[in-house]
Amino acid sequence: MGFIKEPKGVDLIIQSKPLTDKERKEISKYIADYKARNKKKLSSKANTKQPA
């Protein structure tokens, strides 16, 4: 896989708008909930592995 060359006159840099405090809190809450749900799934899988 190589580098992508920018064509002349085209700028591939993308700049998103800044998040509001409300959006930032919603995203943080979602990430925390996601990690809490998946932590339970991962810990139960770890306990069921058979020794090699």
C-alpha atoms as a PDB file:
ATOM      1  CA  MET A   1       0.000   0.000   0.000  1.00  0.00           C
ATOM      2  CA  GLY A   2       1.426   3.331  -0.978  1.00  0.00           C
ATOM      3  CA  PHE A   3       0.869   6.975  -0.309  1.00  0.00           C
ATOM      4  CA  ILE A   4      -2.013   8.887  -1.857  1.00  0.00           C
ATOM      5  CA  LYS A   5      -0.790  11.827  -3.915  1.00  0.00           C
ATOM      6  CA  GLU A   6      -2.834  14.996  -3.868  1.00  0.00           C
ATOM      7  CA  PRO A   7      -3.741  16.146  -7.362  1.00  0.00           C
ATOM      8  CA  LYS A   8      -2.616  19.672  -8.189  1.00  0.00           C
ATOM      9  CA  GLY A   9      -5.098  22.238  -6.864  1.00  0.00           C
ATOM     10  CA  VAL A  10      -6.805  19.750  -4.498  1.00  0.00           C
ATOM     11  CA  ASP A  11      -6.335  19.816  -0.732  1.00  0.00           C
ATOM     12  CA  LEU A  12      -7.190  16.548   1.050  1.00  0.00           C
ATOM     13  CA  ILE A  13      -6.960  17.999   4.574  1.00  0.00           C
ATOM     14  CA  ILE A  14     -10.350  17.752   6.289  1.00  0.00           C
ATOM     15  CA  GLN A  15     -11.134  19.984   9.231  1.00  0.00           C
ATOM     16  CA  SER A  16     -14.300  19.297  11.203  1.00  0.00           C
ATOM     17  CA  LYS A  17     -16.260  21.841  13.188  1.00  0.00           C
ATOM     18  CA  PRO A  18     -15.532  21.994  16.933  1.00  0.00           C
ATOM     19  CA  LEU A  19     -17.806  19.986  19.221  1.00  0.00           C
ATOM     20  CA  THR A  20     -20.131  21.693  21.681  1.00  0.00           C
ATOM     21  CA  ASP A  21     -19.945  20.797  25.366  1.00  0.00           C
ATOM     22  CA  LYS A  22     -23.215  18.868  25.031  1.00  0.00           C
ATOM     23  CA  GLU A  23     -21.905  16.821  22.093  1.00  0.00           C
ATOM     24  CA  ARG A  24     -18.635  16.122  23.898  1.00  0.00           C
ATOM     25  CA  LYS A  25     -20.507  14.868  26.994  1.00  0.00           C
ATOM     26  CA  GLU A  26     -22.820  12.681  24.894  1.00  0.00           C
ATOM     27  CA  ILE A  27     -19.863  11.089  23.113  1.00  0.00           C
ATOM     28  CA  SER A  28     -18.022  10.497  26.398  1.00  0.00           C
ATOM     29  CA  LYS A  29     -21.135   8.891  27.927  1.00  0.00           C
ATOM     30  CA  TYR A  30     -21.577   6.644  24.881  1.00  0.00           C
ATOM     31  CA  ILE A  31     -17.936   5.511  25.008  1.00  0.00           C
ATOM     32  CA  ALA A  32     -18.158   4.788  28.751  1.00  0.00           C
ATOM     33  CA  ASP A  33     -21.380   2.775  28.265  1.00  0.00           C
ATOM     34  CA  TYR A  34     -19.854   0.872  25.337  1.00  0.00           C
ATOM     35  CA  LYS A  35     -16.747  -0.017  27.345  1.00  0.00           C
ATOM     36  CA  ALA A  36     -18.855  -1.114  30.337  1.00  0.00           C
ATOM     37  CA  ARG A  37     -20.990  -3.430  28.159  1.00  0.00           C
ATOM     38  CA  ASN A  38     -18.017  -4.945  26.338  1.00  0.00           C
ATOM     39  CA  LYS A  39     -15.942  -5.401  29.471  1.00  0.00           C
ATOM     40  CA  LYS A  40     -18.520  -7.882  30.749  1.00  0.00           C
ATOM     41  CA  LYS A  41     -18.458  -9.805  27.452  1.00  0.00           C
ATOM     42  CA  LEU A  42     -14.661  -9.905  27.310  1.00  0.00           C
ATOM     43  CA  SER A  43     -14.266 -11.048  30.916  1.00  0.00           C
ATOM     44  CA  SER A  44     -16.723 -13.933  30.428  1.00  0.00           C
ATOM     45  CA  LYS A  45     -14.836 -15.068  27.310  1.00  0.00           C
ATOM     46  CA  ALA A  46     -11.535 -15.024  29.178  1.00  0.00           C
ATOM     47  CA  ASN A  47     -12.907 -17.344  31.844  1.00  0.00           C
ATOM     48  CA  THR A  48     -14.180 -19.934  29.337  1.00  0.00           C
ATOM     49  CA  LYS A  49     -10.911 -20.472  27.441  1.00  0.00           C
ATOM     50  CA  GLN A  50      -9.498 -23.970  27.582  1.00  0.00           C
ATOM     51  CA  PRO A  51      -5.831 -24.415  28.517  1.00  0.00           C
ATOM     52  CA  ALA A  52      -3.626 -25.429  25.591  1.00  0.00           C
END
